């Protein structure tokens, strides 16, 4: 567990290294699964990030939707 914590601290402190690791992972996903599945996977990752952020900040999901959806599409 300490090994993973040290890796996380190293990656969070060095943004270039973090970007490189993310790029390599998406490159591997692209080679293994193809472009469409990689894009879909990326959407799920981003969606999971926003849900986690919303839970951490104790933000209501309706407020998030209000930020995303333009005024003309609301009731």
C-alpha atoms as a PDB file:
ATOM      1  CA  UNK A   1       0.000   0.000   0.000  1.00  0.00           C
ATOM      2  CA  UNK A   2       2.889   2.368   0.755  1.00  0.00           C
ATOM      3  CA  UNK A   3       4.232   1.730  -2.738  1.00  0.00           C
ATOM      4  CA  UNK A   4       0.966   2.948  -4.316  1.00  0.00           C
ATOM      5  CA  UNK A   5       0.846   5.984  -2.038  1.00  0.00           C
ATOM      6  CA  UNK A   6       4.407   6.925  -2.985  1.00  0.00           C
ATOM      7  CA  UNK A   7       3.562   6.511  -6.695  1.00  0.00           C
ATOM      8  CA  UNK A   8       0.482   8.713  -6.286  1.00  0.00           C
ATOM      9  CA  UNK A   9       2.491  11.407  -4.489  1.00  0.00           C
ATOM     10  CA  UNK A  10       5.130  11.330  -7.220  1.00  0.00           C
ATOM     11  CA  UNK A  11       2.544  11.613 -10.002  1.00  0.00           C
ATOM     12  CA  UNK A  12       0.535  14.352  -8.317  1.00  0.00           C
ATOM     13  CA  UNK A  13       3.669  16.428  -7.729  1.00  0.00           C
ATOM     14  CA  UNK A  14       4.998  16.138 -11.289  1.00  0.00           C
ATOM     15  CA  UNK A  15       2.370  17.171 -13.843  1.00  0.00           C
ATOM     16  CA  UNK A  16       4.527  16.304 -16.876  1.00  0.00           C
ATOM     17  CA  UNK A  17       4.982  12.764 -15.621  1.00  0.00           C
ATOM     18  CA  UNK A  18       1.273  12.479 -14.835  1.00  0.00           C
ATOM     19  CA  UNK A  19       0.378  13.647 -18.352  1.00  0.00           C
ATOM     20  CA  UNK A  20       2.824  11.167 -19.844  1.00  0.00           C
ATOM     21  CA  UNK A  21       1.354   8.277 -17.843  1.00  0.00           C
ATOM     22  CA  UNK A  22      -2.185   9.232 -18.848  1.00  0.00           C
ATOM     23  CA  UNK A  23      -1.112   9.509 -22.489  1.00  0.00           C
ATOM     24  CA  UNK A  24       0.542   6.096 -22.408  1.00  0.00           C
ATOM     25  CA  UNK A  25      -2.550   4.525 -20.836  1.00  0.00           C
ATOM     26  CA  UNK A  26      -4.889   6.036 -23.440  1.00  0.00           C
ATOM     27  CA  UNK A  27      -2.464   4.994 -26.171  1.00  0.00           C
ATOM     28  CA  UNK A  28      -2.521   1.411 -24.912  1.00  0.00           C
ATOM     29  CA  UNK A  29      -6.317   1.461 -24.710  1.00  0.00           C
ATOM     30  CA  UNK A  30      -6.425   2.758 -28.285  1.00  0.00           C
ATOM     31  CA  UNK A  31      -4.142  -0.009 -29.526  1.00  0.00           C
ATOM     32  CA  UNK A  32      -5.955  -2.750 -27.627  1.00  0.00           C
ATOM     33  CA  UNK A  33      -9.611  -1.725 -27.923  1.00  0.00           C
ATOM     34  CA  UNK A  34      -9.812   0.770 -30.786  1.00  0.00           C
ATOM     35  CA  UNK A  35     -10.728   4.427 -31.044  1.00  0.00           C
ATOM     36  CA  UNK A  36     -14.477   4.299 -30.318  1.00  0.00           C
ATOM     37  CA  UNK A  37     -14.171   2.145 -27.208  1.00  0.00           C
ATOM     38  CA  UNK A  38     -11.319   4.334 -25.943  1.00  0.00           C
ATOM     39  CA  UNK A  39     -13.429   7.486 -26.385  1.00  0.00           C
ATOM     40  CA  UNK A  40     -16.364   5.869 -24.583  1.00  0.00           C
ATOM     41  CA  UNK A  41     -14.023   4.771 -21.794  1.00  0.00           C
ATOM     42  CA  UNK A  42     -12.723   8.342 -21.544  1.00  0.00           C
ATOM     43  CA  UNK A  43     -16.275   9.662 -21.169  1.00  0.00           C
ATOM     44  CA  UNK A  44     -16.889   7.216 -18.327  1.00  0.00           C
ATOM     45  CA  UNK A  45     -13.658   8.283 -16.620  1.00  0.00           C
ATOM     46  CA  UNK A  46     -14.581  11.971 -16.893  1.00  0.00           C
ATOM     47  CA  UNK A  47     -18.126  11.250 -15.710  1.00  0.00           C
ATOM     48  CA  UNK A  48     -16.818   9.309 -12.735  1.00  0.00           C
ATOM     49  CA  UNK A  49     -14.456  12.150 -11.905  1.00  0.00           C
ATOM     50  CA  UNK A  50     -17.304  14.671 -11.879  1.00  0.00           C
ATOM     51  CA  UNK A  51     -19.534  12.415  -9.765  1.00  0.00           C
ATOM     52  CA  UNK A  52     -16.696  11.935  -7.273  1.00  0.00           C
ATOM     53  CA  UNK A  53     -16.018  15.663  -7.225  1.00  0.00           C
ATOM     54  CA  UNK A  54     -19.696  16.357  -6.674  1.00  0.00           C
ATOM     55  CA  UNK A  55     -19.791  13.923  -3.742  1.00  0.00           C
ATOM     56  CA  UNK A  56     -16.600  15.376  -2.227  1.00  0.00           C
ATOM     57  CA  UNK A  57     -17.927  18.918  -2.438  1.00  0.00           C
ATOM     58  CA  UNK A  58     -21.411  17.820  -1.308  1.00  0.00           C
ATOM     59  CA  UNK A  59     -22.910  19.518  -4.337  1.00  0.00           C
ATOM     60  CA  UNK A  60     -26.458  18.709  -5.437  1.00  0.00           C
ATOM     61  CA  UNK A  61     -26.653  17.003  -8.844  1.00  0.00           C
ATOM     62  CA  UNK A  62     -29.359  19.457  -9.924  1.00  0.00           C
ATOM     63  CA  UNK A  63     -26.892  22.332  -9.516  1.00  0.00           C
ATOM     64  CA  UNK A  64     -24.412  20.528 -11.758  1.00  0.00           C
ATOM     65  CA  UNK A  65     -27.089  19.967 -14.426  1.00  0.00           C
ATOM     66  CA  UNK A  66     -28.057  23.662 -14.202  1.00  0.00           C
ATOM     67  CA  UNK A  67     -24.437  24.607 -14.931  1.00  0.00           C
ATOM     68  CA  UNK A  68     -24.247  22.298 -17.961  1.00  0.00           C
ATOM     69  CA  UNK A  69     -27.669  22.768 -19.618  1.00  0.00           C
ATOM     70  CA  UNK A  70     -28.351  26.188 -21.189  1.00  0.00           C
ATOM     71  CA  UNK A  71     -31.267  28.265 -19.904  1.00  0.00           C
ATOM     72  CA  UNK A  72     -33.348  27.815 -23.044  1.00  0.00           C
ATOM     73  CA  UNK A  73     -33.602  24.027 -22.486  1.00  0.00           C
ATOM     74  CA  UNK A  74     -34.824  24.212 -18.892  1.00  0.00           C
ATOM     75  CA  UNK A  75     -38.481  24.178 -17.882  1.00  0.00           C
END
